[in-house]
Amino acid sequence: MKADMLISFEEPCPIRDVLDRIGDQWSLLVLNSLSKGVFRFNELMRDLGDISKQMLSKTLKRLEKDGFIKRTLYPEVPLRVEYELTELGKSFLDPMAGLINWANENHQAIVLARQNYEKKR
C-alpha cells in the first residue's frame, strides 16, 4: 500500500468532523444566506438579523477554512470584502435544503415531544 493511501487513525471521524462544523448555531444560516448570491459582511449581518459581528466573523472564517465559502478582498478605498459559496459550498445546498425542510416539517412534533418529556419529569 502506498504511503499516501494509508488512513491515519489520528484523523477525526468524517461524519462527526463535518457535522460538528456545519451543525453549529450559525453555519447553516450563513450558507443559506450565501445561497442567494454574493454578500458583503454588513449585508450578511442584515440578512441574518440577530448575529453578532464577532460570531459572524468567526463563522465565516470557519466556513472559509473548510472550503464552503470564498472570501475576496478588493484593494479599494475603502476596502471591499465579499463572500460567496465555493463549488463545495454549492454542492451542499441540496442536502442542506433537505435538512432545513425536515426541520421545518418536524419542528412542532419535536417541541411537543419536549413538552411531554418535561411533564413526565
PDB file of N, CA and C in Angstrom:
ATOM      1  N   MET A   1       0.845  -1.178   0.000  1.00  0.00           N
ATOM      2  CA  MET A   1       0.000   0.000   0.000  1.00  0.00           C
ATOM      3  C   MET A   1       0.890   1.239   0.000  1.00  0.00           C
ATOM      4  N   LYS A   2       0.545   2.215  -0.856  1.00  0.00           N
ATOM      5  CA  LYS A   2       1.319   3.445  -0.921  1.00  0.00           C
ATOM      6  C   LYS A   2       1.154   4.245   0.361  1.00  0.00           C
ATOM      7  N   ALA A   3       2.182   4.999   0.707  1.00  0.00           N
ATOM      8  CA  ALA A   3       2.138   5.807   1.935  1.00  0.00           C
ATOM      9  C   ALA A   3       1.020   6.839   1.888  1.00  0.00           C
ATOM     10  N   ASP A   4       0.733   7.402   0.694  1.00  0.00           N
ATOM     11  CA  ASP A   4      -0.309   8.424   0.623  1.00  0.00           C
ATOM     12  C   ASP A   4      -1.711   7.828   0.686  1.00  0.00           C
ATOM     13  N   MET A   5      -1.828   6.514   0.624  1.00  0.00           N
ATOM     14  CA  MET A   5      -3.137   5.860   0.692  1.00  0.00           C
ATOM     15  C   MET A   5      -3.440   5.342   2.089  1.00  0.00           C
ATOM     16  N   LEU A   6      -2.491   5.466   2.990  1.00  0.00           N
ATOM     17  CA  LEU A   6      -2.707   4.999   4.345  1.00  0.00           C
ATOM     18  C   LEU A   6      -3.711   5.891   5.060  1.00  0.00           C
ATOM     19  N   ILE A   7      -4.569   5.269   5.824  1.00  0.00           N
ATOM     20  CA  ILE A   7      -5.544   6.013   6.613  1.00  0.00           C
ATOM     21  C   ILE A   7      -4.937   6.305   7.969  1.00  0.00           C
ATOM     22  N   SER A   8      -5.005   7.550   8.363  1.00  0.00           N
ATOM     23  CA  SER A   8      -4.496   7.935   9.665  1.00  0.00           C
ATOM     24  C   SER A   8      -5.618   7.829  10.685  1.00  0.00           C
ATOM     25  N   PHE A   9      -5.368   7.084  11.737  1.00  0.00           N
ATOM     26  CA  PHE A   9      -6.365   6.963  12.784  1.00  0.00           C
ATOM     27  C   PHE A   9      -6.364   8.167  13.713  1.00  0.00           C
ATOM     28  N   GLU A  10      -5.461   9.099  13.452  1.00  0.00           N
ATOM     29  CA  GLU A  10      -5.454  10.338  14.216  1.00  0.00           C
ATOM     30  C   GLU A  10      -6.470  11.329  13.652  1.00  0.00           C
ATOM     31  N   GLU A  11      -6.913  11.091  12.414  1.00  0.00           N
ATOM     32  CA  GLU A  11      -7.918  11.961  11.799  1.00  0.00           C
ATOM     33  C   GLU A  11      -9.264  11.712  12.466  1.00  0.00           C
ATOM     34  N   PRO A  12     -10.080  12.755  12.600  1.00  0.00           N
ATOM     35  CA  PRO A  12     -11.401  12.573  13.211  1.00  0.00           C
ATOM     36  C   PRO A  12     -12.338  11.794  12.296  1.00  0.00           C
ATOM     37  N   CYS A  13     -13.379  11.262  12.884  1.00  0.00           N
ATOM     38  CA  CYS A  13     -14.420  10.583  12.127  1.00  0.00           C
ATOM     39  C   CYS A  13     -15.000  11.588  11.125  1.00  0.00           C
ATOM     40  N   PRO A  14     -15.094  11.249   9.841  1.00  0.00           N
ATOM     41  CA  PRO A  14     -15.589  12.207   8.847  1.00  0.00           C
ATOM     42  C   PRO A  14     -16.991  12.736   9.161  1.00  0.00           C
ATOM     43  N   ILE A  15     -17.867  11.886   9.611  1.00  0.00           N
ATOM     44  CA  ILE A  15     -19.238  12.314   9.896  1.00  0.00           C
ATOM     45  C   ILE A  15     -19.246  13.310  11.046  1.00  0.00           C
ATOM     46  N   ARG A  16     -18.594  12.954  12.140  1.00  0.00           N
ATOM     47  CA  ARG A  16     -18.537  13.851  13.298  1.00  0.00           C
ATOM     48  C   ARG A  16     -17.844  15.161  12.947  1.00  0.00           C
ATOM     49  N   ASP A  17     -16.749  15.058  12.199  1.00  0.00           N
ATOM     50  CA  ASP A  17     -15.965  16.242  11.845  1.00  0.00           C
ATOM     51  C   ASP A  17     -16.806  17.227  11.042  1.00  0.00           C
ATOM     52  N   VAL A  18     -17.500  16.757  10.020  1.00  0.00           N
ATOM     53  CA  VAL A  18     -18.299  17.651   9.177  1.00  0.00           C
ATOM     54  C   VAL A  18     -19.520  18.161   9.932  1.00  0.00           C
ATOM     55  N   LEU A  19     -20.227  17.285  10.632  1.00  0.00           N
ATOM     56  CA  LEU A  19     -21.424  17.722  11.351  1.00  0.00           C
ATOM     57  C   LEU A  19     -21.096  18.696  12.471  1.00  0.00           C
ATOM     58  N   ASP A  20     -19.962  18.516  13.125  1.00  0.00           N
ATOM     59  CA  ASP A  20     -19.553  19.473  14.157  1.00  0.00           C
ATOM     60  C   ASP A  20     -19.341  20.854  13.559  1.00  0.00           C
ATOM     61  N   ARG A  21     -18.829  20.908  12.348  1.00  0.00           N
ATOM     62  CA  ARG A  21     -18.532  22.189  11.710  1.00  0.00           C
ATOM     63  C   ARG A  21     -19.791  22.878  11.190  1.00  0.00           C
ATOM     64  N   ILE A  22     -20.659  22.139  10.512  1.00  0.00           N
ATOM     65  CA  ILE A  22     -21.846  22.778   9.929  1.00  0.00           C
ATOM     66  C   ILE A  22     -23.032  22.775  10.870  1.00  0.00           C
ATOM     67  N   GLY A  23     -22.931  22.032  11.957  1.00  0.00           N
ATOM     68  CA  GLY A  23     -24.050  21.907  12.877  1.00  0.00           C
ATOM     69  C   GLY A  23     -24.051  22.912  13.996  1.00  0.00           C
ATOM     70  N   ASP A  24     -23.192  23.911  13.916  1.00  0.00           N
ATOM     71  CA  ASP A  24     -23.207  24.930  14.964  1.00  0.00           C
ATOM     72  C   ASP A  24     -24.422  25.835  14.768  1.00  0.00           C
ATOM     73  N   GLN A  25     -24.547  26.816  15.600  1.00  0.00           N
ATOM     74  CA  GLN A  25     -25.744  27.659  15.605  1.00  0.00           C
ATOM     75  C   GLN A  25     -25.899  28.496  14.333  1.00  0.00           C
ATOM     76  N   TRP A  26     -24.806  28.864  13.667  1.00  0.00           N
ATOM     77  CA  TRP A  26     -24.889  29.842  12.592  1.00  0.00           C
ATOM     78  C   TRP A  26     -24.493  29.364  11.208  1.00  0.00           C
ATOM     79  N   SER A  27     -23.716  28.308  11.076  1.00  0.00           N
ATOM     80  CA  SER A  27     -23.177  27.930   9.769  1.00  0.00           C
ATOM     81  C   SER A  27     -24.251  27.687   8.718  1.00  0.00           C
ATOM     82  N   LEU A  28     -25.273  26.924   9.059  1.00  0.00           N
ATOM     83  CA  LEU A  28     -26.329  26.654   8.078  1.00  0.00           C
ATOM     84  C   LEU A  28     -27.049  27.930   7.668  1.00  0.00           C
ATOM     85  N   LEU A  29     -27.249  28.828   8.611  1.00  0.00           N
ATOM     86  CA  LEU A  29     -27.924  30.080   8.292  1.00  0.00           C
ATOM     87  C   LEU A  29     -27.063  30.953   7.385  1.00  0.00           C
ATOM     88  N   VAL A  30     -25.756  30.980   7.623  1.00  0.00           N
ATOM     89  CA  VAL A  30     -24.847  31.745   6.767  1.00  0.00           C
ATOM     90  C   VAL A  30     -24.826  31.136   5.367  1.00  0.00           C
ATOM     91  N   LEU A  31     -24.707  29.815   5.292  1.00  0.00           N
ATOM     92  CA  LEU A  31     -24.705  29.150   3.988  1.00  0.00           C
ATOM     93  C   LEU A  31     -26.017  29.386   3.251  1.00  0.00           C
ATOM     94  N   ASN A  32     -27.119  29.351   3.979  1.00  0.00           N
ATOM     95  CA  ASN A  32     -28.419  29.610   3.368  1.00  0.00           C
ATOM     96  C   ASN A  32     -28.473  31.036   2.804  1.00  0.00           C
ATOM     97  N   SER A  33     -27.970  32.000   3.540  1.00  0.00           N
ATOM     98  CA  SER A  33     -27.927  33.373   3.036  1.00  0.00           C
ATOM     99  C   SER A  33     -27.073  33.467   1.780  1.00  0.00           C
ATOM    100  N   LEU A  34     -25.891  32.841   1.819  1.00  0.00           N
ATOM    101  CA  LEU A  34     -24.985  32.918   0.683  1.00  0.00           C
ATOM    102  C   LEU A  34     -25.503  32.147  -0.533  1.00  0.00           C
ATOM    103  N   SER A  35     -26.490  31.283  -0.321  1.00  0.00           N
ATOM    104  CA  SER A  35     -27.086  30.577  -1.462  1.00  0.00           C
ATOM    105  C   SER A  35     -27.821  31.564  -2.375  1.00  0.00           C
ATOM    106  N   LYS A  36     -28.113  32.750  -1.869  1.00  0.00           N
ATOM    107  CA  LYS A  36     -28.809  33.786  -2.647  1.00  0.00           C
ATOM    108  C   LYS A  36     -27.845  34.597  -3.513  1.00  0.00           C
ATOM    109  N   GLY A  37     -26.537  34.477  -3.253  1.00  0.00           N
ATOM    110  CA  GLY A  37     -25.562  35.222  -4.049  1.00  0.00           C
ATOM    111  C   GLY A  37     -24.405  35.729  -3.224  1.00  0.00           C
ATOM    112  N   VAL A  38     -23.696  36.682  -3.781  1.00  0.00           N
ATOM    113  CA  VAL A  38     -22.512  37.274  -3.151  1.00  0.00           C
ATOM    114  C   VAL A  38     -22.970  38.335  -2.146  1.00  0.00           C
ATOM    115  N   PHE A  39     -22.348  38.309  -0.964  1.00  0.00           N
ATOM    116  CA  PHE A  39     -22.696  39.262   0.094  1.00  0.00           C
ATOM    117  C   PHE A  39     -21.439  39.903   0.654  1.00  0.00           C
ATOM    118  N   ARG A  40     -21.581  41.141   1.075  1.00  0.00           N
ATOM    119  CA  ARG A  40     -20.560  41.789   1.890  1.00  0.00           C
ATOM    120  C   ARG A  40     -20.917  41.514   3.349  1.00  0.00           C
ATOM    121  N   PHE A  41     -19.968  41.769   4.239  1.00  0.00           N
ATOM    122  CA  PHE A  41     -20.135  41.438   5.656  1.00  0.00           C
ATOM    123  C   PHE A  41     -21.408  42.055   6.235  1.00  0.00           C
ATOM    124  N   ASN A  42     -21.579  43.360   6.058  1.00  0.00           N
ATOM    125  CA  ASN A  42     -22.741  44.033   6.645  1.00  0.00           C
ATOM    126  C   ASN A  42     -24.056  43.585   6.015  1.00  0.00           C
ATOM    127  N   GLU A  43     -24.009  43.205   4.748  1.00  0.00           N
ATOM    128  CA  GLU A  43     -25.212  42.666   4.107  1.00  0.00           C
ATOM    129  C   GLU A  43     -25.602  41.342   4.753  1.00  0.00           C
ATOM    130  N   LEU A  44     -24.601  40.526   5.040  1.00  0.00           N
ATOM    131  CA  LEU A  44     -24.874  39.253   5.740  1.00  0.00           C
ATOM    132  C   LEU A  44     -25.445  39.518   7.127  1.00  0.00           C
ATOM    133  N   MET A  45     -24.874  40.494   7.820  1.00  0.00           N
ATOM    134  CA  MET A  45     -25.373  40.851   9.161  1.00  0.00           C
ATOM    135  C   MET A  45     -26.865  41.192   9.095  1.00  0.00           C
ATOM    136  N   ARG A  46     -27.217  42.017   8.129  1.00  0.00           N
ATOM    137  CA  ARG A  46     -28.631  42.418   7.985  1.00  0.00           C
ATOM    138  C   ARG A  46     -29.501  41.230   7.589  1.00  0.00           C
ATOM    139  N   ASP A  47     -28.998  40.382   6.700  1.00  0.00           N
ATOM    140  CA  ASP A  47     -29.788  39.243   6.237  1.00  0.00           C
ATOM    141  C   ASP A  47     -30.049  38.248   7.366  1.00  0.00           C
ATOM    142  N   LEU A  48     -29.056  38.063   8.230  1.00  0.00           N
ATOM    143  CA  LEU A  48     -29.184  37.092   9.321  1.00  0.00           C
ATOM    144  C   LEU A  48     -29.957  37.654  10.515  1.00  0.00           C
ATOM    145  N   GLY A  49     -29.886  38.947  10.705  1.00  0.00           N
ATOM    146  CA  GLY A  49     -30.675  39.559  11.763  1.00  0.00           C
ATOM    147  C   GLY A  49     -30.004  39.660  13.103  1.00  0.00           C
ATOM    148  N   ASP A  50     -29.950  38.586  13.858  1.00  0.00           N
ATOM    149  CA  ASP A  50     -29.532  38.687  15.257  1.00  0.00           C
ATOM    150  C   ASP A  50     -28.168  38.079  15.563  1.00  0.00           C
ATOM    151  N   ILE A  51     -27.283  38.030  14.594  1.00  0.00           N
ATOM    152  CA  ILE A  51     -25.932  37.520  14.830  1.00  0.00           C
ATOM    153  C   ILE A  51     -25.017  38.688  15.186  1.00  0.00           C
ATOM    154  N   SER A  52     -24.075  38.450  16.108  1.00  0.00           N
ATOM    155  CA  SER A  52     -23.112  39.495  16.463  1.00  0.00           C
ATOM    156  C   SER A  52     -22.007  39.543  15.406  1.00  0.00           C
ATOM    157  N   LYS A  53     -21.308  40.668  15.341  1.00  0.00           N
ATOM    158  CA  LYS A  53     -20.196  40.810  14.399  1.00  0.00           C
ATOM    159  C   LYS A  53     -19.128  39.762  14.670  1.00  0.00           C
ATOM    160  N   GLN A  54     -18.853  39.550  15.948  1.00  0.00           N
ATOM    161  CA  GLN A  54     -17.817  38.588  16.335  1.00  0.00           C
ATOM    162  C   GLN A  54     -18.204  37.171  15.895  1.00  0.00           C
ATOM    163  N   MET A  55     -19.455  36.793  16.104  1.00  0.00           N
ATOM    164  CA  MET A  55     -19.888  35.443  15.742  1.00  0.00           C
ATOM    165  C   MET A  55     -19.932  35.265  14.231  1.00  0.00           C
ATOM    166  N   LEU A  56     -20.373  36.296  13.504  1.00  0.00           N
ATOM    167  CA  LEU A  56     -20.386  36.198  12.047  1.00  0.00           C
ATOM    168  C   LEU A  56     -18.967  36.060  11.523  1.00  0.00           C
ATOM    169  N   SER A  57     -18.043  36.854  12.059  1.00  0.00           N
ATOM    170  CA  SER A  57     -16.649  36.777  11.634  1.00  0.00           C
ATOM    171  C   SER A  57     -16.081  35.380  11.889  1.00  0.00           C
ATOM    172  N   LYS A  58     -16.329  34.845  13.066  1.00  0.00           N
ATOM    173  CA  LYS A  58     -15.837  33.508  13.425  1.00  0.00           C
ATOM    174  C   LYS A  58     -16.448  32.441  12.507  1.00  0.00           C
ATOM    175  N   THR A  59     -17.731  32.544  12.240  1.00  0.00           N
ATOM    176  CA  THR A  59     -18.410  31.562  11.392  1.00  0.00           C
ATOM    177  C   THR A  59     -17.888  31.631   9.961  1.00  0.00           C
ATOM    178  N   LEU A  60     -17.704  32.840   9.446  1.00  0.00           N
ATOM    179  CA  LEU A  60     -17.179  32.991   8.090  1.00  0.00           C
ATOM    180  C   LEU A  60     -15.771  32.413   7.972  1.00  0.00           C
ATOM    181  N   LYS A  61     -14.942  32.647   8.963  1.00  0.00           N
ATOM    182  CA  LYS A  61     -13.576  32.105   8.933  1.00  0.00           C
ATOM    183  C   LYS A  61     -13.590  30.585   8.932  1.00  0.00           C
ATOM    184  N   ARG A  62     -14.449  29.986   9.752  1.00  0.00           N
ATOM    185  CA  ARG A  62     -14.534  28.512   9.799  1.00  0.00           C
ATOM    186  C   ARG A  62     -15.033  27.953   8.476  1.00  0.00           C
ATOM    187  N   LEU A  63     -16.045  28.588   7.897  1.00  0.00           N
ATOM    188  CA  LEU A  63     -16.585  28.107   6.624  1.00  0.00           C
ATOM    189  C   LEU A  63     -15.573  28.284   5.489  1.00  0.00           C
ATOM    190  N   GLU A  64     -14.790  29.357   5.553  1.00  0.00           N
ATOM    191  CA  GLU A  64     -13.740  29.555   4.560  1.00  0.00           C
ATOM    192  C   GLU A  64     -12.640  28.506   4.742  1.00  0.00           C
ATOM    193  N   LYS A  65     -12.247  28.265   5.964  1.00  0.00           N
ATOM    194  CA  LYS A  65     -11.209  27.273   6.259  1.00  0.00           C
ATOM    195  C   LYS A  65     -11.615  25.891   5.751  1.00  0.00           C
ATOM    196  N   ASP A  66     -12.905  25.560   5.883  1.00  0.00           N
ATOM    197  CA  ASP A  66     -13.396  24.253   5.452  1.00  0.00           C
ATOM    198  C   ASP A  66     -13.732  24.199   3.968  1.00  0.00           C
ATOM    199  N   GLY A  67     -13.594  25.308   3.267  1.00  0.00           N
ATOM    200  CA  GLY A  67     -13.779  25.313   1.826  1.00  0.00           C
ATOM    201  C   GLY A  67     -15.200  25.531   1.352  1.00  0.00           C
ATOM    202  N   PHE A  68     -16.112  25.896   2.257  1.00  0.00           N
ATOM    203  CA  PHE A  68     -17.500  26.119   1.868  1.00  0.00           C
ATOM    204  C   PHE A  68     -17.713  27.489   1.217  1.00  0.00           C
ATOM    205  N   ILE A  69     -16.923  28.464   1.641  1.00  0.00           N
ATOM    206  CA  ILE A  69     -17.083  29.815   1.099  1.00  0.00           C
ATOM    207  C   ILE A  69     -15.739  30.374   0.657  1.00  0.00           C
ATOM    208  N   LYS A  70     -15.833  31.377  -0.193  1.00  0.00           N
ATOM    209  CA  LYS A  70     -14.653  32.084  -0.688  1.00  0.00           C
ATOM    210  C   LYS A  70     -14.763  33.533  -0.253  1.00  0.00           C
ATOM    211  N   ARG A  71     -13.664  34.053   0.245  1.00  0.00           N
ATOM    212  CA  ARG A  71     -13.577  35.462   0.660  1.00  0.00           C
ATOM    213  C   ARG A  71     -12.710  36.184  -0.349  1.00  0.00           C
ATOM    214  N   THR A  72     -13.254  37.249  -0.930  1.00  0.00           N
ATOM    215  CA  THR A  72     -12.498  38.033  -1.907  1.00  0.00           C
ATOM    216  C   THR A  72     -12.320  39.439  -1.368  1.00  0.00           C
ATOM    217  N   LEU A  73     -11.058  39.852  -1.286  1.00  0.00           N
ATOM    218  CA  LEU A  73     -10.694  41.187  -0.808  1.00  0.00           C
ATOM    219  C   LEU A  73     -10.330  42.048  -2.016  1.00  0.00           C
ATOM    220  N   TYR A  74     -11.009  43.171  -2.148  1.00  0.00           N
ATOM    221  CA  TYR A  74     -10.731  44.114  -3.222  1.00  0.00           C
ATOM    222  C   TYR A  74      -9.946  45.286  -2.637  1.00  0.00           C
ATOM    223  N   PRO A  75      -8.730  45.525  -3.145  1.00  0.00           N
ATOM    224  CA  PRO A  75      -7.885  46.590  -2.589  1.00  0.00           C
ATOM    225  C   PRO A  75      -8.339  47.973  -3.062  1.00  0.00           C
ATOM    226  N   GLU A  76      -9.472  48.374  -2.560  1.00  0.00           N
ATOM    227  CA  GLU A  76     -10.042  49.674  -2.891  1.00  0.00           C
ATOM    228  C   GLU A  76     -10.056  50.516  -1.627  1.00  0.00           C
ATOM    229  N   VAL A  77     -10.383  51.770  -1.790  1.00  0.00           N
ATOM    230  CA  VAL A  77     -10.559  52.633  -0.623  1.00  0.00           C
ATOM    231  C   VAL A  77     -12.011  53.076  -0.615  1.00  0.00           C
ATOM    232  N   PRO A  78     -12.780  52.680   0.388  1.00  0.00           N
ATOM    233  CA  PRO A  78     -12.425  51.739   1.456  1.00  0.00           C
ATOM    234  C   PRO A  78     -12.363  50.309   0.921  1.00  0.00           C
ATOM    235  N   LEU A  79     -11.703  49.436   1.718  1.00  0.00           N
ATOM    236  CA  LEU A  79     -11.587  48.031   1.329  1.00  0.00           C
ATOM    237  C   LEU A  79     -12.968  47.422   1.157  1.00  0.00           C
ATOM    238  N   ARG A  80     -13.076  46.545   0.186  1.00  0.00           N
ATOM    239  CA  ARG A  80     -14.335  45.831  -0.034  1.00  0.00           C
ATOM    240  C   ARG A  80     -14.038  44.342   0.070  1.00  0.00           C
ATOM    241  N   VAL A  81     -14.825  43.642   0.869  1.00  0.00           N
ATOM    242  CA  VAL A  81     -14.686  42.193   1.036  1.00  0.00           C
ATOM    243  C   VAL A  81     -16.030  41.557   0.709  1.00  0.00           C
ATOM    244  N   GLU A  82     -15.990  40.527  -0.127  1.00  0.00           N
ATOM    245  CA  GLU A  82     -17.208  39.817  -0.496  1.00  0.00           C
ATOM    246  C   GLU A  82     -17.062  38.335  -0.184  1.00  0.00           C
ATOM    247  N   TYR A  83     -18.201  37.736   0.138  1.00  0.00           N
ATOM    248  CA  TYR A  83     -18.254  36.311   0.465  1.00  0.00           C
ATOM    249  C   TYR A  83     -19.218  35.637  -0.489  1.00  0.00           C
ATOM    250  N   GLU A  84     -18.827  34.436  -0.930  1.00  0.00           N
ATOM    251  CA  GLU A  84     -19.691  33.659  -1.807  1.00  0.00           C
ATOM    252  C   GLU A  84     -19.415  32.174  -1.597  1.00  0.00           C
ATOM    253  N   LEU A  85     -20.345  31.356  -2.030  1.00  0.00           N
ATOM    254  CA  LEU A  85     -20.173  29.917  -1.922  1.00  0.00           C
ATOM    255  C   LEU A  85     -19.150  29.428  -2.938  1.00  0.00           C
ATOM    256  N   THR A  86     -18.358  28.452  -2.543  1.00  0.00           N
ATOM    257  CA  THR A  86     -17.464  27.756  -3.464  1.00  0.00           C
ATOM    258  C   THR A  86     -18.258  26.630  -4.116  1.00  0.00           C
ATOM    259  N   GLU A  87     -17.621  25.893  -4.984  1.00  0.00           N
ATOM    260  CA  GLU A  87     -18.295  24.723  -5.579  1.00  0.00           C
ATOM    261  C   GLU A  87     -18.660  23.715  -4.490  1.00  0.00           C
ATOM    262  N   LEU A  88     -17.771  23.547  -3.511  1.00  0.00           N
ATOM    263  CA  LEU A  88     -18.078  22.652  -2.391  1.00  0.00           C
ATOM    264  C   LEU A  88     -19.303  23.155  -1.636  1.00  0.00           C
ATOM    265  N   GLY A  89     -19.350  24.455  -1.370  1.00  0.00           N
ATOM    266  CA  GLY A  89     -20.499  25.039  -0.690  1.00  0.00           C
ATOM    267  C   GLY A  89     -21.776  24.857  -1.485  1.00  0.00           C
ATOM    268  N   LYS A  90     -21.702  25.069  -2.792  1.00  0.00           N
ATOM    269  CA  LYS A  90     -22.882  24.878  -3.645  1.00  0.00           C
ATOM    270  C   LYS A  90     -23.333  23.429  -3.655  1.00  0.00           C
ATOM    271  N   SER A  91     -22.376  22.506  -3.594  1.00  0.00           N
ATOM    272  CA  SER A  91     -22.729  21.083  -3.600  1.00  0.00           C
ATOM    273  C   SER A  91     -23.457  20.671  -2.329  1.00  0.00           C
ATOM    274  N   PHE A  92     -23.346  21.493  -1.289  1.00  0.00           N
ATOM    275  CA  PHE A  92     -24.002  21.202  -0.013  1.00  0.00           C
ATOM    276  C   PHE A  92     -25.431  21.740   0.041  1.00  0.00           C
ATOM    277  N   LEU A  93     -25.824  22.570  -0.915  1.00  0.00           N
ATOM    278  CA  LEU A  93     -27.144  23.208  -0.857  1.00  0.00           C
ATOM    279  C   LEU A  93     -28.301  22.221  -0.886  1.00  0.00           C
ATOM    280  N   ASP A  94     -28.219  21.189  -1.720  1.00  0.00           N
ATOM    281  CA  ASP A  94     -29.317  20.207  -1.774  1.00  0.00           C
ATOM    282  C   ASP A  94     -29.454  19.428  -0.466  1.00  0.00           C
ATOM    283  N   PRO A  95     -28.364  18.846   0.065  1.00  0.00           N
ATOM    284  CA  PRO A  95     -28.504  18.177   1.369  1.00  0.00           C
ATOM    285  C   PRO A  95     -28.964  19.140   2.468  1.00  0.00           C
ATOM    286  N   MET A  96     -28.476  20.378   2.429  1.00  0.00           N
ATOM    287  CA  MET A  96     -28.867  21.361   3.425  1.00  0.00           C
ATOM    288  C   MET A  96     -30.355  21.685   3.302  1.00  0.00           C
ATOM    289  N   ALA A  97     -30.849  21.817   2.089  1.00  0.00           N
ATOM    290  CA  ALA A  97     -32.276  22.100   1.880  1.00  0.00           C
ATOM    291  C   ALA A  97     -33.126  20.965   2.429  1.00  0.00           C
ATOM    292  N   GLY A  98     -32.672  19.734   2.243  1.00  0.00           N
ATOM    293  CA  GLY A  98     -33.396  18.593   2.799  1.00  0.00           C
ATOM    294  C   GLY A  98     -33.464  18.665   4.313  1.00  0.00           C
ATOM    295  N   LEU A  99     -32.357  19.018   4.936  1.00  0.00           N
ATOM    296  CA  LEU A  99     -32.315  19.140   6.396  1.00  0.00           C
ATOM    297  C   LEU A  99     -33.211  20.285   6.872  1.00  0.00           C
ATOM    298  N   ILE A 100     -33.155  21.407   6.182  1.00  0.00           N
ATOM    299  CA  ILE A 100     -33.990  22.553   6.553  1.00  0.00           C
ATOM    300  C   ILE A 100     -35.469  22.207   6.404  1.00  0.00           C
ATOM    301  N   ASN A 101     -35.818  21.564   5.301  1.00  0.00           N
ATOM    302  CA  ASN A 101     -37.221  21.159   5.098  1.00  0.00           C
ATOM    303  C   ASN A 101     -37.678  20.188   6.172  1.00  0.00           C
ATOM    304  N   TRP A 102     -36.816  19.209   6.487  1.00  0.00           N
ATOM    305  CA  TRP A 102     -37.172  18.232   7.523  1.00  0.00           C
ATOM    306  C   TRP A 102     -37.391  18.945   8.854  1.00  0.00           C
ATOM    307  N   ALA A 103     -36.496  19.866   9.192  1.00  0.00           N
ATOM    308  CA  ALA A 103     -36.616  20.607  10.457  1.00  0.00           C
ATOM    309  C   ALA A 103     -37.912  21.410  10.485  1.00  0.00           C
ATOM    310  N   ASN A 104     -38.234  22.076   9.388  1.00  0.00           N
ATOM    311  CA  ASN A 104     -39.475  22.853   9.337  1.00  0.00           C
ATOM    312  C   ASN A 104     -40.707  21.966   9.473  1.00  0.00           C
ATOM    313  N   GLU A 105     -40.692  20.826   8.806  1.00  0.00           N
ATOM    314  CA  GLU A 105     -41.835  19.913   8.837  1.00  0.00           C
ATOM    315  C   GLU A 105     -42.018  19.243  10.195  1.00  0.00           C
ATOM    316  N   ASN A 106     -40.934  19.043  10.925  1.00  0.00           N
ATOM    317  CA  ASN A 106     -40.996  18.269  12.164  1.00  0.00           C
ATOM    318  C   ASN A 106     -40.789  19.086  13.430  1.00  0.00           C
ATOM    319  N   HIS A 107     -40.596  20.371  13.308  1.00  0.00           N
ATOM    320  CA  HIS A 107     -40.304  21.193  14.470  1.00  0.00           C
ATOM    321  C   HIS A 107     -41.421  21.137  15.508  1.00  0.00           C
ATOM    322  N   GLN A 108     -42.654  21.236  15.071  1.00  0.00           N
ATOM    323  CA  GLN A 108     -43.767  21.219  16.018  1.00  0.00           C
ATOM    324  C   GLN A 108     -43.824  19.889  16.776  1.00  0.00           C
ATOM    325  N   ALA A 109     -43.586  18.788  16.079  1.00  0.00           N
ATOM    326  CA  ALA A 109     -43.590  17.480  16.739  1.00  0.00           C
ATOM    327  C   ALA A 109     -42.461  17.385  17.763  1.00  0.00           C
ATOM    328  N   ILE A 110     -41.326  17.961  17.456  1.00  0.00           N
ATOM    329  CA  ILE A 110     -40.190  17.937  18.384  1.00  0.00           C
ATOM    330  C   ILE A 110     -40.497  18.782  19.614  1.00  0.00           C
ATOM    331  N   VAL A 111     -41.091  19.953  19.406  1.00  0.00           N
ATOM    332  CA  VAL A 111     -41.460  20.816  20.535  1.00  0.00           C
ATOM    333  C   VAL A 111     -42.475  20.104  21.434  1.00  0.00           C
ATOM    334  N   LEU A 112     -43.454  19.452  20.834  1.00  0.00           N
ATOM    335  CA  LEU A 112     -44.446  18.703  21.619  1.00  0.00           C
ATOM    336  C   LEU A 112     -43.796  17.559  22.384  1.00  0.00           C
ATOM    337  N   ALA A 113     -42.876  16.862  21.753  1.00  0.00           N
ATOM    338  CA  ALA A 113     -42.173  15.767  22.428  1.00  0.00           C
ATOM    339  C   ALA A 113     -41.391  16.288  23.628  1.00  0.00           C
ATOM    340  N   ARG A 114     -40.759  17.422  23.484  1.00  0.00           N
ATOM    341  CA  ARG A 114     -40.017  18.028  24.601  1.00  0.00           C
ATOM    342  C   ARG A 114     -40.958  18.388  25.743  1.00  0.00           C
ATOM    343  N   GLN A 115     -42.098  18.969  25.383  1.00  0.00           N
ATOM    344  CA  GLN A 115     -43.074  19.341  26.411  1.00  0.00           C
ATOM    345  C   GLN A 115     -43.594  18.101  27.132  1.00  0.00           C
ATOM    346  N   ASN A 116     -43.894  17.052  26.403  1.00  0.00           N
ATOM    347  CA  ASN A 116     -44.353  15.798  27.025  1.00  0.00           C
ATOM    348  C   ASN A 116     -43.288  15.195  27.915  1.00  0.00           C
ATOM    349  N   TYR A 117     -42.060  15.258  27.489  1.00  0.00           N
ATOM    350  CA  TYR A 117     -40.950  14.739  28.286  1.00  0.00           C
ATOM    351  C   TYR A 117     -40.857  15.490  29.621  1.00  0.00           C
ATOM    352  N   GLU A 118     -40.946  16.824  29.541  1.00  0.00           N
ATOM    353  CA  GLU A 118     -40.849  17.636  30.760  1.00  0.00           C
ATOM    354  C   GLU A 118     -42.027  17.381  31.697  1.00  0.00           C
ATOM    355  N   LYS A 119     -43.206  17.101  31.174  1.00  0.00           N
ATOM    356  CA  LYS A 119     -44.378  16.816  32.002  1.00  0.00           C
ATOM    357  C   LYS A 119     -44.186  15.529  32.792  1.00  0.00           C
ATOM    358  N   LYS A 120     -43.467  14.577  32.223  1.00  0.00           N
ATOM    359  CA  LYS A 120     -43.230  13.293  32.870  1.00  0.00           C
ATOM    360  C   LYS A 120     -42.204  13.386  33.995  1.00  0.00           C
ATOM    361  N   ARG A 121     -41.435  14.413  34.014  1.00  0.00           N
ATOM    362  CA  ARG A 121     -40.339  14.539  34.987  1.00  0.00           C
ATOM    363  C   ARG A 121     -40.815  15.044  36.304  1.00  0.00           C
TER     364      ARG A 121
END
